[in-house]
Amino acid sequence: MPESKMTPQADQINFAPRIKMPILMINGRYDYIFPYERSQKPMFRFLGTPDEHKDHILCDTDHNVPLSEVIKHSLILLDKYLGPVK
């Protein structure tokens, strides 16, 4: 099945390099909507954020990553950039 063409404004290759802020990507390793090799990996690579400020967390799930994982890794990121809650 051929993939549909995206409009330029929706194509990740056009906006990902413009992103410069710290990034946390949390995906499922077995995601059938955004497959690791064809979607997640290229998107992460194209991000304009410096490597030391990019994190890609792969959970052993499909597209539905558990909320507990999202919360855990989001709090780690917030502590890293904003400091721990006092």
C-alpha atoms as a PDB file:
ATOM      1  CA  MET A   1       0.000   0.000   0.000  1.00  0.00           C
ATOM      2  CA  PRO A   2       1.573   3.344  -1.025  1.00  0.00           C
ATOM      3  CA  GLU A   3       1.957   5.960   1.660  1.00  0.00           C
ATOM      4  CA  SER A   4      -0.063   9.142   1.222  1.00  0.00           C
ATOM      5  CA  LYS A   5       1.814  12.356   0.519  1.00  0.00           C
ATOM      6  CA  MET A   6       1.787  14.922   3.298  1.00  0.00           C
ATOM      7  CA  THR A   7       1.404  18.617   2.693  1.00  0.00           C
ATOM      8  CA  PRO A   8       4.698  20.492   3.246  1.00  0.00           C
ATOM      9  CA  GLN A   9       3.462  22.148   6.456  1.00  0.00           C
ATOM     10  CA  ALA A  10       2.532  18.769   7.959  1.00  0.00           C
ATOM     11  CA  ASP A  11       5.632  16.857   6.884  1.00  0.00           C
ATOM     12  CA  GLN A  12       7.955  16.271   9.862  1.00  0.00           C
ATOM     13  CA  ILE A  13      11.049  16.768   7.724  1.00  0.00           C
ATOM     14  CA  ASN A  14      10.133  20.436   7.315  1.00  0.00           C
ATOM     15  CA  PHE A  15       9.395  21.356  10.925  1.00  0.00           C
ATOM     16  CA  ALA A  16      11.600  19.010  12.981  1.00  0.00           C
ATOM     17  CA  PRO A  17      14.898  20.831  12.237  1.00  0.00           C
ATOM     18  CA  ARG A  18      13.357  24.089  13.522  1.00  0.00           C
ATOM     19  CA  ILE A  19      12.762  22.635  16.981  1.00  0.00           C
ATOM     20  CA  LYS A  20      15.628  23.662  19.258  1.00  0.00           C
ATOM     21  CA  MET A  21      14.204  23.158  22.761  1.00  0.00           C
ATOM     22  CA  PRO A  22      14.796  20.103  24.984  1.00  0.00           C
ATOM     23  CA  ILE A  23      12.794  17.146  23.687  1.00  0.00           C
ATOM     24  CA  LEU A  24      11.433  14.023  25.311  1.00  0.00           C
ATOM     25  CA  MET A  25       9.976  11.476  22.900  1.00  0.00           C
ATOM     26  CA  ILE A  26       8.216   8.548  24.543  1.00  0.00           C
ATOM     27  CA  ASN A  27       7.141   5.841  22.123  1.00  0.00           C
ATOM     28  CA  GLY A  28       6.200   2.208  22.004  1.00  0.00           C
ATOM     29  CA  ARG A  29       8.815  -0.080  20.511  1.00  0.00           C
ATOM     30  CA  TYR A  30       6.068  -1.974  18.658  1.00  0.00           C
ATOM     31  CA  ASP A  31       4.057   1.070  17.584  1.00  0.00           C
ATOM     32  CA  TYR A  32       2.071   0.226  14.443  1.00  0.00           C
ATOM     33  CA  ILE A  33       1.078   3.870  13.758  1.00  0.00           C
ATOM     34  CA  PHE A  34       4.553   5.391  14.099  1.00  0.00           C
ATOM     35  CA  PRO A  35       6.968   2.462  13.551  1.00  0.00           C
ATOM     36  CA  TYR A  36      10.396   2.796  15.155  1.00  0.00           C
ATOM     37  CA  GLU A  37      12.550   2.495  12.022  1.00  0.00           C
ATOM     38  CA  ARG A  38      10.310   4.381   9.592  1.00  0.00           C
ATOM     39  CA  SER A  39       8.938   7.138  11.809  1.00  0.00           C
ATOM     40  CA  GLN A  40      10.352   7.512  15.322  1.00  0.00           C
ATOM     41  CA  LYS A  41      14.029   7.178  14.469  1.00  0.00           C
ATOM     42  CA  PRO A  42      14.002   9.642  11.524  1.00  0.00           C
ATOM     43  CA  MET A  43      11.917  12.169  13.470  1.00  0.00           C
ATOM     44  CA  PHE A  44      14.327  12.042  16.416  1.00  0.00           C
ATOM     45  CA  ARG A  45      17.344  12.381  14.118  1.00  0.00           C
ATOM     46  CA  PHE A  46      15.876  15.388  12.254  1.00  0.00           C
ATOM     47  CA  LEU A  47      15.096  17.374  15.410  1.00  0.00           C
ATOM     48  CA  GLY A  48      17.209  20.525  15.592  1.00  0.00           C
ATOM     49  CA  THR A  49      17.704  20.161  19.335  1.00  0.00           C
ATOM     50  CA  PRO A  50      21.330  19.460  20.323  1.00  0.00           C
ATOM     51  CA  ASP A  51      21.886  15.759  21.101  1.00  0.00           C
ATOM     52  CA  GLU A  52      22.577  16.396  24.784  1.00  0.00           C
ATOM     53  CA  HIS A  53      19.056  17.815  25.132  1.00  0.00           C
ATOM     54  CA  LYS A  54      17.188  15.036  23.308  1.00  0.00           C
ATOM     55  CA  ASP A  55      15.839  11.886  24.970  1.00  0.00           C
ATOM     56  CA  HIS A  56      13.984   9.052  23.256  1.00  0.00           C
ATOM     57  CA  ILE A  57      12.354   6.573  25.613  1.00  0.00           C
ATOM     58  CA  LEU A  58      11.173   3.294  24.080  1.00  0.00           C
ATOM     59  CA  CYS A  59       8.630   1.320  26.053  1.00  0.00           C
ATOM     60  CA  ASP A  60       7.931  -2.350  25.310  1.00  0.00           C
ATOM     61  CA  THR A  61       4.401  -1.532  24.136  1.00  0.00           C
ATOM     62  CA  ASP A  62       2.529  -0.696  20.980  1.00  0.00           C
ATOM     63  CA  HIS A  63       1.213   2.831  20.307  1.00  0.00           C
ATOM     64  CA  ASN A  64      -0.413   3.038  23.748  1.00  0.00           C
ATOM     65  CA  VAL A  65       2.357   3.894  26.189  1.00  0.00           C
ATOM     66  CA  PRO A  66       1.270   3.550  29.840  1.00  0.00           C
ATOM     67  CA  LEU A  67       0.513   6.874  31.507  1.00  0.00           C
ATOM     68  CA  SER A  68       2.761   5.888  34.420  1.00  0.00           C
ATOM     69  CA  GLU A  69       5.765   5.816  32.036  1.00  0.00           C
ATOM     70  CA  VAL A  70       4.849   9.184  30.536  1.00  0.00           C
ATOM     71  CA  ILE A  71       4.538  10.746  33.988  1.00  0.00           C
ATOM     72  CA  LYS A  72       7.764   9.182  35.283  1.00  0.00           C
ATOM     73  CA  HIS A  73       9.919  10.360  32.372  1.00  0.00           C
ATOM     74  CA  SER A  74       8.220  13.764  32.172  1.00  0.00           C
ATOM     75  CA  LEU A  75       9.005  14.422  35.835  1.00  0.00           C
ATOM     76  CA  ILE A  76      12.640  13.434  35.277  1.00  0.00           C
ATOM     77  CA  LEU A  77      12.843  15.922  32.397  1.00  0.00           C
ATOM     78  CA  LEU A  78      11.182  18.700  34.394  1.00  0.00           C
ATOM     79  CA  ASP A  79      13.554  18.134  37.332  1.00  0.00           C
ATOM     80  CA  LYS A  80      16.524  18.248  34.943  1.00  0.00           C
ATOM     81  CA  TYR A  81      15.582  21.584  33.373  1.00  0.00           C
ATOM     82  CA  LEU A  82      13.585  23.333  36.094  1.00  0.00           C
ATOM     83  CA  GLY A  83      15.070  21.782  39.218  1.00  0.00           C
ATOM     84  CA  PRO A  84      13.447  19.431  41.720  1.00  0.00           C
ATOM     85  CA  VAL A  85      10.350  20.532  43.587  1.00  0.00           C
ATOM     86  CA  LYS A  86      11.197  21.855  47.052  1.00  0.00           C
END
